[in-house]
Amino acid sequence: MTQTPSPPAADTPQRHAWPWTAWPWTTWPTRVRLIAVVLAIDALAALVSCGIIVLNARSAVQVETLASLSTVESLVADTIDLSRTAPPQSLLQTLDLRIQALRHVRVTLLDPEGRDVRFAQGRLRRDRHDAPAWFAALIAPPIRRAELPIVVNGGRIGTARIVTEPLDEIDEIWGYTVSLSFASLCLNLGLLAALYVALSRVLAPLDRVAEGLTQLEHRDYAVRLDPPASRELAIITERFNSLAGALEEARAANDRLTRQLLTVQDDERRRTALELHDEFGPCLFALEANAASVARIAEADAPPDRTRLAARAGDIAAIVGQVQALNRDLLNRLRPHGLGQVPLAECLDLLVRDFSRRHPETAFAGEFHGLARGYGDLVDLTVFRCIQESMTNAVRHGRAPQVRAEARERPAQDGAARATNLEIVVRDIGVGLAASHGIGLGLSGMRERVGALGGTFLLDNAAPGTVVRISIPLDPERDEDPSPIVPA
């Protein structure tokens, strides 16, 4: 039985190796790549030029040899016709003299037996050619032949054999090709040298950018690059300097935030310790005193005073109620009560009512209509903490008589399909922001929470008072209750 191979696991990454990634080309510097591209273009142009030269030369040589063949045929025929009554030896000498300086053709005088007359006389011409055989084979046209009988006084004394000889023309074309190739080679070498120098100067700013990126990698964000003369590279260096400045500012902000966060845990512990000491301590002491009083009443020989026992029981119940309230406040500060278990709008309403109870001198109002049941633990906690911190700042620093908080869903301004933002606005009519106000831990915490969710945080003077505007993008694929919760 054959087994079907199991498909790869869904979480196994499938990597596609492209063929050219294994080429040495990918490891070459940019300067070498550009020069290699120019060399490839030159080689292609040389091949095309050679092809054109070969085609044109072959046509020219064919035309030239055919014209020479026709001309020599006429010359030999006219010489034979004009010397029909001359002695045979005189006619052969005349023909031999006339064919000495011919080009592109070779004329051979044969006796009646077919032997070369000039060979018999020891004057056979042997030429030396410069063009190589392979070049001649590319250009040489088909060989054409013609034979004319030599007749004197009615008798045939021999034959004039005319054969096309293109090697003379091919030698001229070869010399022209060699000269042109040498000139082209010198020109290309000069262009490559100039290109190498030009690329070295043009790409030099990129080397400085690479050095700057190395410094950024080593967390030296103070590095800056001088803008080069090239407009395109100047834009790159400008963006690099902007990036380095942004990274330097971000590192400074992170350093400030780190210094603040280093003390937040100790501050929270200190606050918790103070509340336990100042609030829970007296309550526990009062409980202990009342318990001791009840014990003394119970141990007395006289019948217990029910009035005093009822009073002590009432005091103990009041103290227990105070401890429970303090415990709820402490737990609510550490973790909002009911968040994630009840709708978000109800948690925010409880928050507003709790502020109204603890600060009766300030009028708090909240409008949280149309919210979903929840947007996830992180978003819900961020919304709750931001509204809580904004109200705390309005009471503590703004001394505001009125504070209003709103939260609702709104379509995103970029017009993307199904894109929705959760908008939070907390407005007060207090004294507003002081000119010298700083960024405390509360504002930094809100900004960091909102920034981690990809949102925006704004704090402005509202004349009078201040306004906090927060926008958090919502994931369209989130799980939520399809029907929004509308508090009664």
Protein backbone atom coordinates (compact mmCIF):
# COMPACT_ATOMS: atom_id res chain seq x y z
CA MET A 1 0.00 0.00 0.00
CA THR A 2 1.39 3.35 -0.98
CA GLN A 3 1.21 6.18 1.49
CA THR A 4 0.21 9.62 0.41
CA PRO A 5 2.70 12.17 1.71
CA SER A 6 1.14 14.48 4.26
CA PRO A 7 0.92 18.17 3.30
CA PRO A 8 3.21 20.61 5.11
CA ALA A 9 1.93 22.08 8.35
CA ALA A 10 0.04 25.34 8.08
CA ASP A 11 2.46 27.14 10.35
CA THR A 12 5.54 26.01 8.40
CA PRO A 13 6.86 28.98 6.35
CA GLN A 14 7.14 28.21 2.64
CA ARG A 15 10.25 29.84 1.22
CA HIS A 16 10.65 30.33 -2.51
CA ALA A 17 14.25 30.60 -3.63
CA TRP A 18 14.45 32.61 -6.85
CA PRO A 19 17.05 31.35 -9.37
CA TRP A 20 18.95 34.63 -9.57
CA THR A 21 19.52 34.83 -5.81
CA ALA A 22 22.36 32.31 -6.18
CA TRP A 23 24.16 34.38 -8.85
CA PRO A 24 27.36 36.25 -7.94
CA TRP A 25 25.51 39.32 -9.29
CA THR A 26 23.71 39.72 -5.97
CA THR A 27 27.00 40.09 -4.08
CA TRP A 28 28.56 42.68 -6.42
CA PRO A 29 28.75 46.35 -5.43
CA THR A 30 26.43 48.77 -7.19
CA ARG A 31 29.32 50.41 -9.05
CA VAL A 32 30.46 47.05 -10.45
CA ARG A 33 26.87 46.17 -11.42
CA LEU A 34 26.44 49.41 -13.37
CA ILE A 35 29.75 48.91 -15.17
CA ALA A 36 28.79 45.29 -15.92
CA VAL A 37 25.50 46.51 -17.40
CA VAL A 38 27.38 49.01 -19.60
CA LEU A 39 29.78 46.26 -20.71
CA ALA A 40 26.85 43.99 -21.56
CA ILE A 41 25.26 46.79 -23.59
CA ASP A 42 28.59 47.41 -25.36
CA ALA A 43 28.95 43.70 -26.13
CA LEU A 44 25.42 43.55 -27.50
CA ALA A 45 26.03 46.68 -29.59
CA ALA A 46 29.30 45.16 -30.87
CA LEU A 47 27.50 41.96 -31.90
CA VAL A 48 24.80 43.92 -33.70
CA SER A 49 27.41 46.12 -35.38
CA CYS A 50 29.42 43.07 -36.47
CA GLY A 51 26.28 41.49 -37.89
CA ILE A 52 25.46 44.64 -39.85
CA ILE A 53 29.06 44.95 -41.08
CA VAL A 54 29.07 41.32 -42.23
CA LEU A 55 25.77 41.64 -44.10
CA ASN A 56 26.73 44.93 -45.77
CA ALA A 57 30.23 43.70 -46.57
CA ARG A 58 28.94 40.46 -48.09
CA SER A 59 26.55 42.39 -50.34
CA ALA A 60 29.23 44.93 -51.28
CA VAL A 61 31.82 42.26 -52.07
CA GLN A 62 29.33 40.35 -54.21
CA VAL A 63 28.39 43.45 -56.17
CA GLU A 64 32.05 44.44 -56.55
CA THR A 65 33.19 41.00 -57.74
CA LEU A 66 30.31 40.63 -60.21
CA ALA A 67 31.08 44.09 -61.66
CA SER A 68 34.76 43.21 -61.95
CA LEU A 69 33.89 39.86 -63.59
CA SER A 70 31.73 41.59 -66.18
CA THR A 71 34.39 44.21 -66.85
CA VAL A 72 37.21 41.68 -67.23
CA GLU A 73 35.07 39.49 -69.53
CA SER A 74 34.55 42.47 -71.78
CA LEU A 75 38.26 43.37 -71.61
CA VAL A 76 39.44 39.85 -72.49
CA ALA A 77 36.81 39.47 -75.22
CA ASP A 78 37.75 42.82 -76.81
CA THR A 79 41.47 41.97 -76.67
CA ILE A 80 40.84 38.63 -78.40
CA ASP A 81 38.63 40.24 -81.09
CA LEU A 82 41.17 42.98 -81.81
CA SER A 83 44.05 40.49 -82.10
CA ARG A 84 42.48 37.72 -84.17
CA THR A 85 45.10 38.15 -86.96
CA ALA A 86 48.07 38.65 -84.61
CA PRO A 87 50.61 35.92 -83.96
CA PRO A 88 49.54 33.57 -81.13
CA GLN A 89 52.54 34.43 -78.98
CA SER A 90 51.89 38.14 -79.32
CA LEU A 91 48.22 37.71 -78.33
CA LEU A 92 49.13 35.70 -75.24
CA GLN A 93 51.69 38.31 -74.20
CA THR A 94 49.14 41.09 -74.67
CA LEU A 95 46.56 39.26 -72.59
CA ASP A 96 49.17 38.49 -69.93
CA LEU A 97 50.12 42.15 -69.68
CA ARG A 98 46.51 43.31 -69.40
CA ILE A 99 45.59 40.91 -66.63
CA GLN A 100 48.59 41.70 -64.43
CA ALA A 101 46.94 44.46 -62.31
CA LEU A 102 43.35 43.22 -62.16
CA ARG A 103 41.46 43.30 -58.83
CA HIS A 104 38.68 41.08 -57.54
CA VAL A 105 39.16 38.56 -60.37
CA ARG A 106 41.90 36.17 -61.45
CA VAL A 107 42.44 35.39 -65.14
CA THR A 108 44.27 32.21 -66.03
CA LEU A 109 45.52 31.56 -69.56
CA LEU A 110 45.36 27.87 -70.47
CA ASP A 111 46.89 26.16 -73.51
CA PRO A 112 44.82 23.69 -75.57
CA GLU A 113 45.92 20.93 -73.22
CA GLY A 114 44.56 22.88 -70.20
CA ARG A 115 47.93 23.84 -68.70
CA ASP A 116 48.59 27.24 -67.17
CA VAL A 117 50.61 29.26 -69.59
CA ARG A 118 52.06 31.53 -66.91
CA PHE A 119 52.99 28.49 -64.80
CA ALA A 120 54.83 27.07 -67.76
CA GLN A 121 56.63 30.37 -68.17
CA GLY A 122 57.41 30.55 -64.43
CA ARG A 123 55.35 33.66 -63.77
CA LEU A 124 52.46 32.28 -61.68
CA ARG A 125 51.38 34.98 -59.16
CA ARG A 126 50.95 33.97 -55.53
CA ASP A 127 49.26 36.65 -53.39
CA ARG A 128 49.37 37.03 -49.56
CA HIS A 129 46.12 38.02 -47.79
CA ASP A 130 45.70 39.62 -44.37
CA ALA A 131 42.10 38.68 -43.53
CA PRO A 132 41.80 35.50 -41.43
CA ALA A 133 40.06 32.52 -42.95
CA TRP A 134 37.03 32.69 -40.64
CA PHE A 135 36.42 36.34 -41.56
CA ALA A 136 36.76 35.56 -45.26
CA ALA A 137 34.33 32.64 -44.88
CA LEU A 138 31.75 34.99 -43.32
CA ILE A 139 31.94 37.59 -46.09
CA ALA A 140 33.03 35.78 -49.24
CA PRO A 141 30.22 35.40 -51.83
CA PRO A 142 29.92 32.33 -54.08
CA ILE A 143 32.78 32.02 -56.59
CA ARG A 144 31.76 32.80 -60.19
CA ARG A 145 33.66 31.42 -63.21
CA ALA A 146 33.74 32.26 -66.93
CA GLU A 147 35.82 30.78 -69.75
CA LEU A 148 36.51 32.50 -73.08
CA PRO A 149 38.16 30.63 -76.01
CA ILE A 150 41.25 32.28 -77.50
CA VAL A 151 41.01 31.96 -81.33
CA VAL A 152 43.70 33.21 -83.74
CA ASN A 153 43.37 32.85 -87.52
CA GLY A 154 40.47 30.53 -87.04
CA GLY A 155 42.37 28.21 -84.72
CA ARG A 156 41.94 27.88 -80.94
CA ILE A 157 45.23 28.40 -79.19
CA GLY A 158 43.92 28.31 -75.62
CA THR A 159 41.31 29.41 -73.10
CA ALA A 160 41.04 32.44 -70.82
CA ARG A 161 39.53 31.27 -67.49
CA ILE A 162 38.13 34.14 -65.36
CA VAL A 163 37.42 33.44 -61.69
CA THR A 164 36.12 35.94 -59.12
CA GLU A 165 38.67 36.69 -56.37
CA PRO A 166 36.98 38.58 -53.45
CA LEU A 167 39.95 38.32 -51.07
CA ASP A 168 41.33 41.72 -52.10
CA GLU A 169 38.05 43.41 -51.17
CA ILE A 170 37.80 41.28 -48.03
CA ASP A 171 41.29 42.43 -47.00
CA GLU A 172 40.17 46.03 -47.31
CA ILE A 173 37.04 45.36 -45.24
CA TRP A 174 39.14 43.52 -42.65
CA GLY A 175 41.49 46.47 -42.31
CA TYR A 176 38.55 48.84 -41.96
CA THR A 177 36.96 46.52 -39.37
CA VAL A 178 40.17 46.27 -37.35
CA SER A 179 40.62 50.04 -37.35
CA LEU A 180 36.98 50.61 -36.36
CA SER A 181 37.17 47.97 -33.61
CA PHE A 182 40.36 49.47 -32.21
CA ALA A 183 38.83 52.95 -32.19
CA SER A 184 35.65 51.63 -30.58
CA LEU A 185 37.70 49.75 -27.96
CA CYS A 186 39.67 52.88 -27.07
CA LEU A 187 36.45 54.91 -26.90
CA ASN A 188 34.71 52.33 -24.69
CA LEU A 189 37.70 52.08 -22.38
CA GLY A 190 37.70 55.84 -22.03
CA LEU A 191 33.95 55.86 -21.38
CA LEU A 192 34.29 53.08 -18.78
CA ALA A 193 37.07 54.96 -17.02
CA ALA A 194 34.98 58.15 -17.02
CA LEU A 195 31.94 56.16 -15.85
CA TYR A 196 33.93 54.59 -13.02
CA VAL A 197 35.14 57.99 -11.83
CA ALA A 198 31.66 59.51 -12.19
CA LEU A 199 30.02 56.64 -10.32
CA SER A 200 32.62 56.89 -7.58
CA ARG A 201 31.75 60.55 -7.09
CA VAL A 202 28.00 60.02 -7.42
CA LEU A 203 27.87 57.03 -5.08
CA ALA A 204 30.20 58.53 -2.48
CA PRO A 205 27.22 60.10 -0.59
CA LEU A 206 25.67 56.63 -0.36
CA ASP A 207 28.81 55.42 1.42
CA ARG A 208 28.34 58.25 3.90
CA VAL A 209 24.70 57.25 4.31
CA ALA A 210 25.82 53.67 5.00
CA GLU A 211 28.27 54.95 7.62
CA GLY A 212 25.50 57.05 9.15
CA LEU A 213 23.18 54.03 9.29
CA THR A 214 25.93 52.09 11.01
CA GLN A 215 26.16 54.84 13.62
CA LEU A 216 22.37 54.73 14.03
CA GLU A 217 22.64 50.98 14.49
CA HIS A 218 25.09 51.67 17.31
CA ARG A 219 22.52 54.07 18.80
CA ASP A 220 24.42 57.23 17.96
CA TYR A 221 21.39 59.33 17.05
CA ALA A 222 23.32 62.61 17.01
CA VAL A 223 24.84 61.82 13.60
CA ARG A 224 23.93 64.20 10.74
CA LEU A 225 24.87 64.13 7.04
CA ASP A 226 25.84 67.09 4.86
CA PRO A 227 23.56 67.38 1.80
CA PRO A 228 25.38 66.47 -1.46
CA ALA A 229 25.11 68.36 -4.73
CA SER A 230 22.77 65.77 -6.30
CA ARG A 231 19.14 66.67 -5.74
CA GLU A 232 17.98 63.06 -5.40
CA LEU A 233 20.71 62.15 -2.92
CA ALA A 234 20.09 65.42 -1.08
CA ILE A 235 16.51 64.26 -0.50
CA ILE A 236 17.83 60.96 0.91
CA THR A 237 20.22 62.74 3.28
CA GLU A 238 17.45 65.11 4.34
CA ARG A 239 15.20 62.16 5.19
CA PHE A 240 18.12 60.52 7.00
CA ASN A 241 18.70 63.61 9.11
CA SER A 242 14.97 63.81 9.87
CA LEU A 243 14.97 60.13 10.89
CA ALA A 244 18.02 60.62 13.11
CA GLY A 245 16.37 63.64 14.75
CA ALA A 246 13.15 61.73 15.33
CA LEU A 247 15.08 58.82 16.83
CA GLU A 248 17.00 61.20 19.06
CA GLU A 249 13.77 62.80 20.26
CA ALA A 250 12.19 59.38 20.78
CA ARG A 251 15.19 58.22 22.81
CA ALA A 252 15.01 61.38 24.94
CA ALA A 253 11.29 60.82 25.48
CA ASN A 254 11.90 57.18 26.34
CA ASP A 255 14.61 58.19 28.79
CA ARG A 256 12.23 60.60 30.47
CA LEU A 257 9.50 57.99 30.56
CA THR A 258 11.91 55.39 31.89
CA ARG A 259 12.97 57.71 34.68
CA GLN A 260 9.31 58.24 35.52
CA LEU A 261 8.48 54.55 35.33
CA LEU A 262 11.40 53.66 37.57
CA THR A 263 9.58 55.32 40.47
CA VAL A 264 5.98 54.45 39.64
CA GLN A 265 6.05 51.08 41.41
CA ASP A 266 7.58 52.56 44.54
CA ASP A 267 5.13 55.47 44.39
CA GLU A 268 2.19 53.07 44.12
CA ARG A 269 3.50 51.01 47.00
CA ARG A 270 4.04 54.18 49.03
CA ARG A 271 0.50 55.36 48.33
CA THR A 272 -0.90 51.95 49.22
CA ALA A 273 1.17 51.89 52.42
CA LEU A 274 -0.01 55.40 53.36
CA GLU A 275 -3.64 54.46 52.77
CA LEU A 276 -3.23 51.28 54.80
CA HIS A 277 -1.57 53.28 57.57
CA ASP A 278 -3.84 56.33 57.52
CA GLU A 279 -7.16 54.67 56.68
CA PHE A 280 -7.03 51.01 57.59
CA GLY A 281 -4.83 51.52 60.66
CA PRO A 282 -7.31 53.72 62.59
CA CYS A 283 -10.18 51.46 61.57
CA LEU A 284 -8.38 48.37 62.80
CA PHE A 285 -7.44 50.18 66.02
CA ALA A 286 -11.08 51.20 66.52
CA LEU A 287 -12.19 47.63 65.88
CA GLU A 288 -9.66 46.39 68.42
CA ALA A 289 -10.83 48.99 71.00
CA ASN A 290 -14.47 48.10 70.49
CA ALA A 291 -13.70 44.38 70.67
CA ALA A 292 -11.82 44.95 73.95
CA SER A 293 -14.77 46.98 75.30
CA VAL A 294 -17.18 44.17 74.41
CA ALA A 295 -14.87 41.66 76.11
CA ARG A 296 -14.76 43.76 79.29
CA ILE A 297 -18.56 44.07 79.31
CA ALA A 298 -18.89 40.32 78.84
CA GLU A 299 -16.38 39.57 81.65
CA ALA A 300 -18.05 41.87 84.19
CA ASP A 301 -19.79 40.22 87.18
CA ALA A 302 -22.86 42.35 86.72
CA PRO A 303 -25.33 41.50 83.98
CA PRO A 304 -24.19 42.90 80.60
CA ASP A 305 -25.42 46.34 79.68
CA ARG A 306 -27.37 45.69 76.49
CA THR A 307 -27.37 49.37 75.56
CA ARG A 308 -23.59 49.54 75.66
CA LEU A 309 -23.31 46.26 73.71
CA ALA A 310 -25.67 47.58 71.03
CA ALA A 311 -23.62 50.80 70.79
CA ARG A 312 -20.36 48.85 70.43
CA ALA A 313 -21.95 46.58 67.81
CA GLY A 314 -23.12 49.65 65.90
CA ASP A 315 -19.62 51.15 66.05
CA ILE A 316 -18.11 47.88 64.81
CA ALA A 317 -20.60 47.69 61.91
CA ALA A 318 -19.83 51.31 60.92
CA ILE A 319 -16.09 50.66 61.00
CA VAL A 320 -16.51 47.47 58.95
CA GLY A 321 -18.55 49.42 56.40
CA GLN A 322 -15.78 52.04 56.21
CA VAL A 323 -13.15 49.32 55.75
CA GLN A 324 -15.20 47.75 52.98
CA ALA A 325 -15.53 51.09 51.20
CA LEU A 326 -11.79 51.71 51.50
CA ASN A 327 -11.13 48.19 50.27
CA ARG A 328 -13.38 48.74 47.23
CA ASP A 329 -11.63 52.00 46.41
CA LEU A 330 -8.21 50.39 46.69
CA LEU A 331 -9.20 47.38 44.56
CA ASN A 332 -10.89 49.64 42.02
CA ARG A 333 -7.69 51.65 41.67
CA LEU A 334 -5.65 48.49 41.17
CA ARG A 335 -8.19 46.91 38.81
CA PRO A 336 -11.55 48.49 37.80
CA HIS A 337 -14.37 46.49 39.31
CA GLY A 338 -16.54 44.70 36.77
CA LEU A 339 -14.45 45.64 33.73
CA GLY A 340 -14.81 42.82 31.19
CA GLN A 341 -17.74 41.33 33.09
CA VAL A 342 -20.35 44.05 32.53
CA PRO A 343 -20.78 46.33 29.49
CA LEU A 344 -18.16 49.03 29.12
CA ALA A 345 -20.77 51.81 29.20
CA GLU A 346 -21.99 50.64 32.63
CA CYS A 347 -18.42 50.59 33.98
CA LEU A 348 -17.93 54.18 32.79
CA ASP A 349 -21.25 55.25 34.32
CA LEU A 350 -20.16 53.71 37.63
CA LEU A 351 -16.88 55.60 37.34
CA VAL A 352 -18.71 58.92 36.85
CA ARG A 353 -21.02 58.22 39.80
CA ASP A 354 -18.04 57.30 41.98
CA PHE A 355 -16.37 60.63 41.15
CA SER A 356 -19.64 62.45 41.96
CA ARG A 357 -19.76 60.69 45.34
CA ARG A 358 -16.14 61.42 46.24
CA HIS A 359 -16.17 65.01 44.91
CA PRO A 360 -19.61 66.48 45.61
CA GLU A 361 -18.39 70.01 44.89
CA THR A 362 -17.90 69.10 41.18
CA ALA A 363 -20.70 68.26 38.74
CA PHE A 364 -19.76 65.17 36.69
CA ALA A 365 -21.66 64.03 33.59
CA GLY A 366 -21.09 61.17 31.17
CA GLU A 367 -22.50 60.23 27.78
CA PHE A 368 -21.55 56.75 26.60
CA HIS A 369 -24.35 55.82 24.18
CA GLY A 370 -23.90 53.44 21.25
CA LEU A 371 -20.87 51.62 22.62
CA ALA A 372 -20.42 47.90 22.11
CA ARG A 373 -20.37 45.61 25.10
CA GLY A 374 -16.59 45.57 24.97
CA TYR A 375 -13.62 46.06 22.65
CA GLY A 376 -11.16 43.72 24.28
CA ASP A 377 -9.47 43.93 27.65
CA LEU A 378 -6.66 46.22 26.49
CA VAL A 379 -8.92 48.78 24.76
CA ASP A 380 -11.50 48.73 27.57
CA LEU A 381 -8.84 49.26 30.24
CA THR A 382 -7.25 52.08 28.21
CA VAL A 383 -10.59 53.89 27.83
CA PHE A 384 -11.37 53.49 31.53
CA ARG A 385 -7.94 54.67 32.71
CA CYS A 386 -7.85 57.65 30.34
CA ILE A 387 -11.26 58.91 31.47
CA GLN A 388 -10.34 58.26 35.10
CA GLU A 389 -7.03 60.14 34.82
CA SER A 390 -8.59 63.04 32.87
CA MET A 391 -11.29 63.52 35.53
CA THR A 392 -8.68 63.30 38.29
CA ASN A 393 -6.57 65.99 36.60
CA ALA A 394 -9.65 68.20 36.09
CA VAL A 395 -10.43 68.07 39.83
CA ARG A 396 -6.89 68.11 41.19
CA HIS A 397 -5.18 70.60 38.84
CA GLY A 398 -7.99 72.37 37.01
CA ARG A 399 -10.26 72.88 40.05
CA ALA A 400 -13.13 72.47 37.61
CA PRO A 401 -16.74 72.90 38.85
CA GLN A 402 -18.03 70.88 35.88
CA VAL A 403 -16.56 67.89 34.02
CA ARG A 404 -18.15 66.06 31.10
CA ALA A 405 -16.94 62.79 29.54
CA GLU A 406 -18.12 61.36 26.20
CA ALA A 407 -17.28 58.15 24.33
CA ARG A 408 -18.72 57.02 21.00
CA GLU A 409 -17.87 55.24 17.79
CA ARG A 410 -17.24 57.37 14.68
CA PRO A 411 -16.25 56.47 11.09
CA ALA A 412 -12.55 56.98 10.36
CA GLN A 413 -11.60 60.21 8.58
CA ASP A 414 -9.49 58.43 5.95
CA GLY A 415 -12.60 56.93 4.36
CA ALA A 416 -11.43 53.34 4.52
CA ALA A 417 -14.15 50.74 4.24
CA ARG A 418 -15.52 49.58 7.61
CA ALA A 419 -12.89 51.66 9.45
CA THR A 420 -14.17 52.92 12.80
CA ASN A 421 -12.54 54.89 15.59
CA LEU A 422 -13.47 55.03 19.24
CA GLU A 423 -13.57 58.75 20.13
CA ILE A 424 -13.20 59.87 23.79
CA VAL A 425 -13.60 63.52 24.84
CA VAL A 426 -13.24 64.77 28.44
CA ARG A 427 -13.98 68.49 28.82
CA ASP A 428 -13.90 70.69 31.94
CA ILE A 429 -14.43 74.39 32.61
CA GLY A 430 -11.65 74.79 35.16
CA VAL A 431 -8.64 77.12 35.21
CA GLY A 432 -7.10 75.51 32.12
CA LEU A 433 -3.49 74.67 31.41
CA ALA A 434 -0.77 76.78 32.94
CA ALA A 435 1.88 78.20 30.63
CA SER A 436 4.58 76.26 32.48
CA HIS A 437 2.70 73.00 32.88
CA GLY A 438 4.77 69.85 32.44
CA ILE A 439 4.05 66.35 31.23
CA GLY A 440 3.47 64.30 34.34
CA LEU A 441 3.27 60.59 34.78
CA GLY A 442 -0.49 60.54 34.25
CA LEU A 443 -0.37 62.31 30.87
CA SER A 444 2.64 60.25 29.80
CA GLY A 445 0.83 57.07 30.78
CA MET A 446 -2.28 58.03 28.79
CA ARG A 447 -0.22 58.98 25.74
CA GLU A 448 1.72 55.71 25.91
CA ARG A 449 -1.43 53.61 26.33
CA VAL A 450 -3.16 55.29 23.37
CA GLY A 451 -0.01 55.20 21.22
CA ALA A 452 0.40 51.47 21.84
CA LEU A 453 -3.06 50.98 20.28
CA GLY A 454 -2.19 53.11 17.25
CA GLY A 455 -4.38 56.00 18.41
CA THR A 456 -3.91 59.75 18.92
CA PHE A 457 -3.91 61.80 22.13
CA LEU A 458 -4.47 65.59 22.27
CA LEU A 459 -4.60 67.94 25.27
CA ASP A 460 -5.70 71.53 24.55
CA ASN A 461 -6.95 74.64 26.27
CA ALA A 462 -10.70 74.99 25.75
CA ALA A 463 -11.06 78.61 27.03
CA PRO A 464 -12.16 78.09 29.72
CA GLY A 465 -10.83 74.80 30.96
CA THR A 466 -9.15 72.01 29.08
CA VAL A 467 -10.24 69.27 26.72
CA VAL A 468 -8.75 65.82 26.21
CA ARG A 469 -9.38 64.21 22.81
CA ILE A 470 -8.48 60.57 22.23
CA SER A 471 -9.03 58.50 19.08
CA ILE A 472 -8.44 54.74 19.06
CA PRO A 473 -8.81 52.73 15.81
CA LEU A 474 -11.01 49.67 16.18
CA ASP A 475 -10.32 46.34 14.53
CA PRO A 476 -13.19 45.56 12.10
CA GLU A 477 -12.67 41.82 12.75
CA ARG A 478 -13.04 42.13 16.55
CA ASP A 479 -15.47 39.97 18.46
CA GLU A 480 -18.22 42.02 20.01
CA ASP A 481 -21.86 41.97 20.91
CA PRO A 482 -23.81 42.71 17.68
CA SER A 483 -26.25 44.89 19.56
CA PRO A 484 -24.72 47.99 21.18
CA ILE A 485 -25.46 48.65 24.82
CA VAL A 486 -27.50 51.78 25.45
CA PRO A 487 -27.60 52.60 29.16
CA ALA A 488 -30.98 53.42 30.55
